[in-house]
Amino acid sequence: MGEKLQVPFVDLKAQRATIKDELDAAIENVIANTAFILGPDVAKFEEAFAAFCGTKYAVGLDSGTSALELALRAFDIGPGDEVITAANTYIATALAISYVGATPVLVDIHPETYNINVDLIEDAITERTKAIMPVHLYGQPADMDPILAIADKHGLIVIEDSAQAHGARYKGKRAGSIGHAAGFSFYPAKNLGAYGDGGAVTTNDPTVADKLRMLRDYGQTKKYHHQIQGFNRRLDTLQAAILRVKLQYLDEWNAARRAHAQRYHELLADVEAHLPVVPDFAEPVWHLYVVRVEDRDGMRAHLAENGVGTGIHYPIPIHLQPAYAELGLKEGAFPVTEEYAKQLLSLPMYPEISPELIEHVYSVMKEF
């Protein structure tokens, strides 16, 4: 018997191999010039990333969590305020809200798209609500027009959590260009990933961009001139140089992900699983390809036995985490989120995955 085919959940080495020389040159250039903190590559990457997203500004930061937190701070959201977001997001979304002293107010999700259910948002608004933070989960844009209409009606800020949605489009507009601002993560496994942590905020508001630049760099307008109490949250120059190289390939990589998602759709049509649903308004970038399976844990174990890596995003909803016991929300608060948390399974997805590997994933799932 030959060796079992191995399908990793994600393969970052495969991507590096395709652009190794460019990456090495970019890294060597930063080291040779010793421009490690807010070096020229940071501003050049910010300019390129803003152009890519279709915004006037991008401000590079040290993580996606910082991006969401400092975006909130830039709009003076803080203690006593409430920010509405999706119940099924990664905990970093809620933590960013908590870091500024505000309270995350969770809303259940749409049963088909897995994004925030826009029909439930208005019921969650109180006199303390200051912002809505929709999450473009798995790389699929949330339904932004009704969210913006609700925000406009109630005088709220909209900050997109675009951590998984680099290049995704909503009615033709790029994620990150639709709300008042957006937070991106460049965690290594993202569609646009650094070789360490990194993040950015995109916005069209010059005042917000200026405040973000101060907030990330000790509140300085220039060295030793501190206008506000800021932080040390700068995007590392080495990471900016790496991201500049990779950004040139992002559309191409996202197109490959779309082709892989389409192949999964076709093959898995006869497998007992709920496949992703893409609304007419969305052009996802398939950061994750997520199916729902009744016996998720059994399926996951079967895939693992046959060399297929998978992920679970996310097994325990925020409101059931000990860290958020303070919200006082018990099981049953968000029935769709809770049900799906037991069923969702993320299949291998990265630009370089081969048709052969996708077919292997299908055949193993079909056996189950």
Protein backbone atom coordinates (compact mmCIF):
# COMPACT_ATOMS: atom_id res chain seq x y z
CA MET A 1 0.00 0.00 0.00
CA GLY A 2 1.20 3.49 -0.86
CA GLU A 3 1.27 6.38 1.57
CA LYS A 4 -2.02 8.13 2.26
CA LEU A 5 -2.49 11.42 0.42
CA GLN A 6 -1.96 14.27 2.89
CA VAL A 7 -4.08 17.42 2.54
CA PRO A 8 -3.02 20.16 4.97
CA PHE A 9 -5.70 22.58 6.16
CA VAL A 10 -3.48 25.43 4.99
CA ASP A 11 -0.02 25.43 3.39
CA LEU A 12 1.95 28.66 3.78
CA LYS A 13 5.16 27.09 2.43
CA ALA A 14 3.56 26.49 -0.96
CA GLN A 15 2.85 30.21 -1.35
CA ARG A 16 6.31 31.32 -0.25
CA ALA A 17 7.91 29.00 -2.81
CA THR A 18 6.22 30.89 -5.67
CA ILE A 19 7.58 34.35 -4.70
CA LYS A 20 10.61 33.50 -2.56
CA ASP A 21 13.13 35.66 -4.45
CA GLU A 22 10.94 38.78 -4.30
CA LEU A 23 10.26 38.30 -0.60
CA ASP A 24 13.92 37.73 0.21
CA ALA A 25 14.92 40.88 -1.69
CA ALA A 26 12.27 42.97 0.11
CA ILE A 27 13.38 41.70 3.52
CA GLU A 28 17.08 42.18 2.71
CA ASN A 29 16.37 45.77 1.58
CA VAL A 30 14.77 46.67 4.93
CA ILE A 31 17.66 45.11 6.85
CA ALA A 32 20.30 46.78 4.65
CA ASN A 33 18.66 50.19 5.14
CA THR A 34 18.05 49.55 8.89
CA ALA A 35 14.68 51.34 8.56
CA PHE A 36 12.90 49.08 11.03
CA ILE A 37 10.30 51.40 12.62
CA LEU A 38 7.88 53.22 10.29
CA GLY A 39 10.39 52.86 7.45
CA PRO A 40 9.51 53.81 3.85
CA ASP A 41 7.88 50.43 3.15
CA VAL A 42 5.10 51.18 5.65
CA ALA A 43 3.88 54.30 3.83
CA LYS A 44 4.31 52.60 0.44
CA PHE A 45 2.28 49.60 1.57
CA GLU A 46 -0.41 51.85 3.08
CA GLU A 47 -0.76 53.72 -0.19
CA ALA A 48 -0.98 50.49 -2.20
CA PHE A 49 -3.43 48.85 0.19
CA ALA A 50 -5.71 51.91 0.25
CA ALA A 51 -5.74 51.90 -3.56
CA PHE A 52 -6.51 48.17 -3.57
CA CYS A 53 -9.45 48.63 -1.17
CA GLY A 54 -10.74 51.77 -2.90
CA THR A 55 -10.23 54.10 0.07
CA LYS A 56 -8.28 57.32 0.51
CA TYR A 57 -6.29 56.08 3.50
CA ALA A 58 -4.87 52.97 5.09
CA VAL A 59 -3.00 53.10 8.40
CA GLY A 60 -0.73 50.15 9.19
CA LEU A 61 -0.92 48.67 12.69
CA ASP A 62 0.54 45.78 14.66
CA SER A 63 -2.50 43.46 14.49
CA GLY A 64 -6.08 43.12 13.33
CA THR A 65 -7.26 43.41 16.93
CA SER A 66 -5.46 46.75 17.25
CA ALA A 67 -7.05 47.83 13.97
CA LEU A 68 -10.56 47.32 15.35
CA GLU A 69 -9.69 48.83 18.73
CA LEU A 70 -7.99 51.95 17.38
CA ALA A 71 -10.75 52.45 14.80
CA LEU A 72 -13.20 52.61 17.70
CA ARG A 73 -10.91 55.01 19.59
CA ALA A 74 -10.58 57.21 16.49
CA PHE A 75 -14.37 57.74 16.65
CA ASP A 76 -14.23 58.44 20.41
CA ILE A 77 -16.13 55.27 21.33
CA GLY A 78 -15.39 54.32 24.93
CA PRO A 79 -16.70 53.62 28.44
CA GLY A 80 -20.50 53.47 28.69
CA ASP A 81 -20.96 52.98 24.95
CA GLU A 82 -22.31 49.88 23.21
CA VAL A 83 -21.19 48.37 19.91
CA ILE A 84 -23.32 45.84 18.04
CA THR A 85 -21.61 42.89 16.38
CA ALA A 86 -22.23 39.29 15.30
CA ALA A 87 -22.53 36.55 17.92
CA ASN A 88 -20.48 34.04 15.91
CA THR A 89 -17.35 36.09 15.26
CA TYR A 90 -13.84 35.40 16.59
CA ILE A 91 -13.37 36.74 20.12
CA ALA A 92 -10.97 39.47 18.90
CA THR A 93 -13.95 41.45 17.57
CA ALA A 94 -15.51 41.55 21.04
CA LEU A 95 -12.17 42.12 22.77
CA ALA A 96 -11.48 45.21 20.66
CA ILE A 97 -14.80 46.64 21.86
CA SER A 98 -13.99 45.74 25.46
CA TYR A 99 -10.49 47.26 25.26
CA VAL A 100 -11.95 50.74 24.70
CA GLY A 101 -14.27 50.28 27.67
CA ALA A 102 -17.41 49.77 25.59
CA THR A 103 -19.77 46.79 25.78
CA PRO A 104 -20.17 44.31 22.91
CA VAL A 105 -23.83 43.73 22.11
CA LEU A 106 -24.20 40.47 20.20
CA VAL A 107 -26.77 39.69 17.51
CA ASP A 108 -27.58 36.26 16.06
CA ILE A 109 -26.72 35.36 12.50
CA HIS A 110 -28.55 34.78 9.26
CA PRO A 111 -29.10 31.01 8.92
CA GLU A 112 -27.86 30.91 5.31
CA THR A 113 -25.00 33.42 5.05
CA TYR A 114 -23.62 33.02 8.63
CA ASN A 115 -23.20 36.81 8.76
CA ILE A 116 -25.04 39.15 11.14
CA ASN A 117 -28.82 38.97 10.71
CA VAL A 118 -29.69 42.53 9.68
CA ASP A 119 -33.34 42.02 10.69
CA LEU A 120 -32.25 41.71 14.35
CA ILE A 121 -29.97 44.74 14.57
CA GLU A 122 -32.54 47.45 15.35
CA ASP A 123 -33.91 45.48 18.30
CA ALA A 124 -30.42 45.56 19.82
CA ILE A 125 -30.06 49.36 19.64
CA THR A 126 -30.31 51.34 22.89
CA GLU A 127 -29.56 54.95 23.83
CA ARG A 128 -25.98 53.79 24.55
CA THR A 129 -25.35 52.29 21.10
CA LYS A 130 -22.60 54.16 19.24
CA ALA A 131 -21.53 51.79 16.47
CA ILE A 132 -22.25 48.65 14.47
CA MET A 133 -19.33 46.34 13.68
CA PRO A 134 -20.47 43.89 10.97
CA VAL A 135 -18.09 40.99 10.33
CA HIS A 136 -17.37 39.78 6.79
CA LEU A 137 -17.03 36.23 8.07
CA TYR A 138 -15.02 33.61 6.15
CA GLY A 139 -14.40 36.23 3.43
CA GLN A 140 -18.07 36.80 2.55
CA PRO A 141 -19.36 40.38 2.90
CA ALA A 142 -22.20 41.10 5.30
CA ASP A 143 -25.32 42.75 3.82
CA MET A 144 -24.07 46.32 4.16
CA ASP A 145 -26.83 48.49 2.62
CA PRO A 146 -29.45 47.74 5.31
CA ILE A 147 -26.75 48.08 7.99
CA LEU A 148 -25.77 51.51 6.67
CA ALA A 149 -29.45 52.53 6.49
CA ILE A 150 -29.99 51.52 10.14
CA ALA A 151 -26.80 53.35 11.16
CA ASP A 152 -27.87 56.47 9.28
CA LYS A 153 -31.32 56.40 10.89
CA HIS A 154 -29.86 56.13 14.41
CA GLY A 155 -26.71 58.24 13.96
CA LEU A 156 -24.29 55.32 14.38
CA ILE A 157 -20.77 54.65 13.12
CA VAL A 158 -20.16 51.52 11.00
CA ILE A 159 -16.77 49.84 11.35
CA GLU A 160 -16.30 46.78 9.14
CA ASP A 161 -14.45 43.82 10.58
CA SER A 162 -12.69 42.89 7.34
CA ALA A 163 -10.09 40.63 8.97
CA GLN A 164 -11.05 37.72 6.68
CA ALA A 165 -12.19 39.65 3.62
CA HIS A 166 -9.19 41.17 1.80
CA GLY A 167 -10.48 41.85 -1.72
CA ALA A 168 -14.07 40.69 -1.21
CA ARG A 169 -16.75 42.77 -2.91
CA TYR A 170 -20.24 43.87 -1.89
CA LYS A 171 -22.27 45.11 -4.87
CA GLY A 172 -18.97 45.83 -6.60
CA LYS A 173 -17.37 47.73 -3.71
CA ARG A 174 -14.38 46.26 -1.90
CA ALA A 175 -14.76 45.23 1.72
CA GLY A 176 -13.16 47.95 3.81
CA SER A 177 -14.49 50.81 1.65
CA ILE A 178 -18.17 50.65 2.62
CA GLY A 179 -18.46 51.76 6.26
CA HIS A 180 -16.89 54.73 8.08
CA ALA A 181 -13.75 52.63 8.61
CA ALA A 182 -12.62 49.01 8.54
CA GLY A 183 -10.14 46.84 10.39
CA PHE A 184 -7.97 44.28 8.57
CA SER A 185 -5.73 41.55 9.95
CA PHE A 186 -2.56 40.34 8.24
CA TYR A 187 -2.18 37.26 10.42
CA PRO A 188 -0.04 34.79 8.41
CA ALA A 189 -2.92 32.52 7.30
CA LYS A 190 -5.13 35.37 6.00
CA ASN A 191 -5.65 35.87 2.25
CA LEU A 192 -3.08 38.66 2.59
CA GLY A 193 -0.83 37.44 5.37
CA ALA A 194 2.38 38.78 6.89
CA TYR A 195 5.17 36.66 8.41
CA GLY A 196 4.02 37.63 11.88
CA ASP A 197 1.23 39.84 13.20
CA GLY A 198 0.03 42.94 11.39
CA GLY A 199 -3.12 44.93 10.66
CA ALA A 200 -4.51 48.10 9.10
CA VAL A 201 -7.48 50.44 9.22
CA THR A 202 -8.94 51.78 5.97
CA THR A 203 -11.05 54.93 5.88
CA ASN A 204 -11.97 57.90 3.68
CA ASP A 205 -11.96 60.30 6.65
CA PRO A 206 -8.73 62.35 6.90
CA THR A 207 -9.38 63.24 10.57
CA VAL A 208 -9.76 59.57 11.47
CA ALA A 209 -6.59 58.65 9.54
CA ASP A 210 -4.61 61.40 11.31
CA LYS A 211 -5.85 60.26 14.71
CA LEU A 212 -4.98 56.64 13.93
CA ARG A 213 -1.42 57.65 13.02
CA MET A 214 -1.10 59.40 16.37
CA LEU A 215 -2.73 56.58 18.32
CA ARG A 216 -0.35 53.96 16.89
CA ASP A 217 2.78 56.02 17.68
CA TYR A 218 2.50 57.24 21.29
CA GLY A 219 0.11 60.06 20.37
CA GLN A 220 2.87 61.92 18.48
CA THR A 221 2.47 64.32 15.58
CA LYS A 222 6.29 64.40 15.38
CA LYS A 223 8.98 63.01 17.65
CA TYR A 224 8.47 64.05 21.30
CA HIS A 225 5.35 66.11 20.46
CA HIS A 226 2.51 64.13 22.05
CA GLN A 227 -0.97 65.49 21.34
CA ILE A 228 -2.92 62.59 22.86
CA GLN A 229 -2.23 59.53 25.01
CA GLY A 230 -1.37 57.00 22.34
CA PHE A 231 0.00 53.47 22.12
CA ASN A 232 2.84 51.53 20.52
CA ARG A 233 0.86 49.75 17.79
CA ARG A 234 2.90 50.36 14.62
CA LEU A 235 3.06 48.02 11.63
CA ASP A 236 6.59 46.59 11.53
CA THR A 237 8.54 47.72 8.46
CA LEU A 238 9.65 44.16 7.65
CA GLN A 239 6.03 43.04 7.62
CA ALA A 240 5.03 46.02 5.44
CA ALA A 241 7.75 45.07 2.93
CA ILE A 242 6.49 41.47 2.83
CA LEU A 243 2.88 42.62 2.44
CA ARG A 244 3.85 44.99 -0.43
CA VAL A 245 5.20 42.04 -2.38
CA LYS A 246 2.24 39.78 -1.61
CA LEU A 247 -0.41 42.44 -2.34
CA GLN A 248 0.58 42.34 -6.04
CA TYR A 249 -0.61 38.71 -6.18
CA LEU A 250 -3.72 38.98 -4.02
CA ASP A 251 -6.30 39.24 -6.83
CA GLU A 252 -4.71 36.22 -8.51
CA TRP A 253 -4.71 34.21 -5.27
CA ASN A 254 -8.33 35.17 -4.54
CA ALA A 255 -9.33 34.05 -8.06
CA ALA A 256 -7.70 30.67 -7.34
CA ARG A 257 -9.67 30.42 -4.08
CA ARG A 258 -12.90 31.15 -5.99
CA ALA A 259 -12.09 28.36 -8.45
CA HIS A 260 -11.41 25.95 -5.58
CA ALA A 261 -14.68 26.93 -3.87
CA GLN A 262 -16.55 26.30 -7.12
CA ARG A 263 -14.95 22.85 -7.38
CA TYR A 264 -15.96 22.07 -3.80
CA HIS A 265 -19.54 23.20 -4.60
CA GLU A 266 -19.73 20.86 -7.59
CA LEU A 267 -18.19 17.83 -5.92
CA LEU A 268 -19.92 18.12 -2.54
CA ALA A 269 -23.42 18.47 -4.02
CA ASP A 270 -24.03 14.77 -3.31
CA VAL A 271 -22.49 14.72 0.19
CA GLU A 272 -24.69 15.06 3.28
CA ALA A 273 -23.53 18.55 4.22
CA HIS A 274 -24.90 22.10 4.06
CA LEU A 275 -22.73 24.01 1.60
CA PRO A 276 -22.02 27.76 1.73
CA VAL A 277 -24.70 30.03 0.27
CA VAL A 278 -23.55 33.12 -1.63
CA PRO A 279 -26.11 35.95 -1.96
CA ASP A 280 -26.36 37.91 -5.22
CA PHE A 281 -24.73 40.97 -3.64
CA ALA A 282 -21.55 39.17 -2.58
CA GLU A 283 -18.29 38.24 -4.23
CA PRO A 284 -16.52 36.32 -1.48
CA VAL A 285 -12.79 35.62 -1.33
CA TRP A 286 -13.12 32.28 0.47
CA HIS A 287 -10.72 32.86 3.34
CA LEU A 288 -12.43 29.72 4.64
CA TYR A 289 -14.62 27.15 2.93
CA VAL A 290 -17.05 26.14 5.66
CA VAL A 291 -19.66 23.38 5.52
CA ARG A 292 -22.20 22.28 8.12
CA VAL A 293 -22.32 18.61 9.04
CA GLU A 294 -24.70 17.04 11.59
CA ASP A 295 -21.98 14.74 12.96
CA ARG A 296 -19.21 17.31 12.60
CA ASP A 297 -16.83 15.69 15.08
CA GLY A 298 -17.26 12.26 13.50
CA MET A 299 -16.64 13.68 10.03
CA ARG A 300 -13.60 15.60 11.26
CA ALA A 301 -12.09 12.48 12.83
CA HIS A 302 -12.74 10.48 9.64
CA LEU A 303 -11.04 13.16 7.53
CA ALA A 304 -8.05 13.28 9.91
CA GLU A 305 -7.66 9.48 9.71
CA ASN A 306 -7.43 9.87 5.94
CA GLY A 307 -4.84 12.63 5.96
CA VAL A 308 -7.15 15.63 5.59
CA GLY A 309 -6.61 18.62 7.88
CA THR A 310 -9.65 20.72 8.91
CA GLY A 311 -10.48 23.61 11.22
CA ILE A 312 -13.42 24.69 13.39
CA HIS A 313 -14.37 28.38 13.30
CA TYR A 314 -15.50 28.74 16.11
CA PRO A 315 -16.38 25.92 18.53
CA ILE A 316 -17.52 28.06 21.50
CA PRO A 317 -19.54 31.23 20.87
CA ILE A 318 -18.36 34.42 22.60
CA HIS A 319 -21.32 34.62 25.00
CA LEU A 320 -20.56 31.11 26.31
CA GLN A 321 -16.86 31.84 26.93
CA PRO A 322 -15.87 32.38 30.60
CA ALA A 323 -14.17 35.61 29.47
CA TYR A 324 -17.62 37.05 28.65
CA ALA A 325 -19.63 35.70 31.57
CA GLU A 326 -20.12 39.38 32.48
CA LEU A 327 -22.60 39.72 29.61
CA GLY A 328 -24.93 37.42 31.56
CA LEU A 329 -26.02 35.53 28.45
CA LYS A 330 -26.85 31.85 28.79
CA GLU A 331 -27.23 29.00 26.32
CA GLY A 332 -30.23 29.69 24.11
CA ALA A 333 -29.49 33.43 23.74
CA PHE A 334 -28.43 33.01 20.09
CA PRO A 335 -29.92 29.73 18.83
CA VAL A 336 -28.55 29.82 15.25
CA THR A 337 -25.01 30.65 16.37
CA GLU A 338 -25.12 27.95 19.05
CA GLU A 339 -26.51 25.25 16.76
CA TYR A 340 -23.99 25.99 14.01
CA ALA A 341 -21.03 26.09 16.42
CA LYS A 342 -21.56 22.33 16.83
CA GLN A 343 -21.80 21.69 13.06
CA LEU A 344 -19.38 23.99 11.21
CA LEU A 345 -16.31 22.45 9.63
CA SER A 346 -13.66 24.36 7.65
CA LEU A 347 -12.17 22.36 4.76
CA PRO A 348 -8.67 22.80 3.30
CA MET A 349 -8.50 26.09 1.38
CA TYR A 350 -5.48 27.97 0.06
CA PRO A 351 -4.61 29.26 -3.43
CA GLU A 352 -2.09 26.51 -4.19
CA ILE A 353 -4.32 23.52 -3.31
CA SER A 354 -4.52 21.17 -6.30
CA PRO A 355 -7.68 19.72 -7.91
CA GLU A 356 -6.37 16.28 -6.96
CA LEU A 357 -6.31 17.23 -3.27
CA ILE A 358 -9.82 18.72 -3.42
CA GLU A 359 -11.07 15.51 -5.05
CA HIS A 360 -9.42 13.51 -2.27
CA VAL A 361 -11.25 15.62 0.35
CA TYR A 362 -14.52 14.91 -1.48
CA SER A 363 -13.94 11.17 -1.76
CA VAL A 364 -13.10 10.88 1.94
CA MET A 365 -16.23 12.87 2.89
CA LYS A 366 -18.33 10.74 0.54
CA GLU A 367 -17.15 7.58 2.34
CA PHE A 368 -18.34 8.88 5.73
